[in-house]
């Protein structure tokens, strides 16, 4: 179990690092594009039409990637945050409840991202976005919409990594970006 926990921890750590950099990059894009929008509108009196849309999509990427990082770090909103530190049978129960809760929330989102009504992948969220273009940019909407299934996949991976870390005797996944598991 410890080997599986260590492997999942390494995968979760690497994916979290990528997601954190993606969230940072998205925030940077958001700030730069919104800043350019303000300058172009009020100084140049010629606002480009694409800036508002790009800022909105960067905000979505930043939000969902940041949410997956928050889940991994254990700083996501929780009804019983103190229960993460419990050990023994009660702690095991709380660890399972947290993982099942994350799975119960994320699994339908992932399911409907790839499957549509009547098990038709052509009517899924991703398929519908692939057939649409962004209003002001010549980019398929799937480039922006894929953020949601990506983030929820990360949350599921983090949930499994946290659960295996709990049951293998590792305290929890490291909370700070620079920490590594032992």
Foldseek 3Di string as FASTA:
>chain_A
DVVVLQVLLVVLLVVLVVLVVLLVVLVVLLVVLVVVQVCCCPPVVHGAPCSVVSNVLSVLSNVLSVQLLCLLLLNHDDPCSVLLQDADPSNLVVLVVVLVVLCVVLVVVLCQQQAPPPRHSCRGVLNVQQPDADPRDRHGSSVRVVSNNVSSVSNNSSSVSQSVCRVVVNSGRHNDSPDHGD
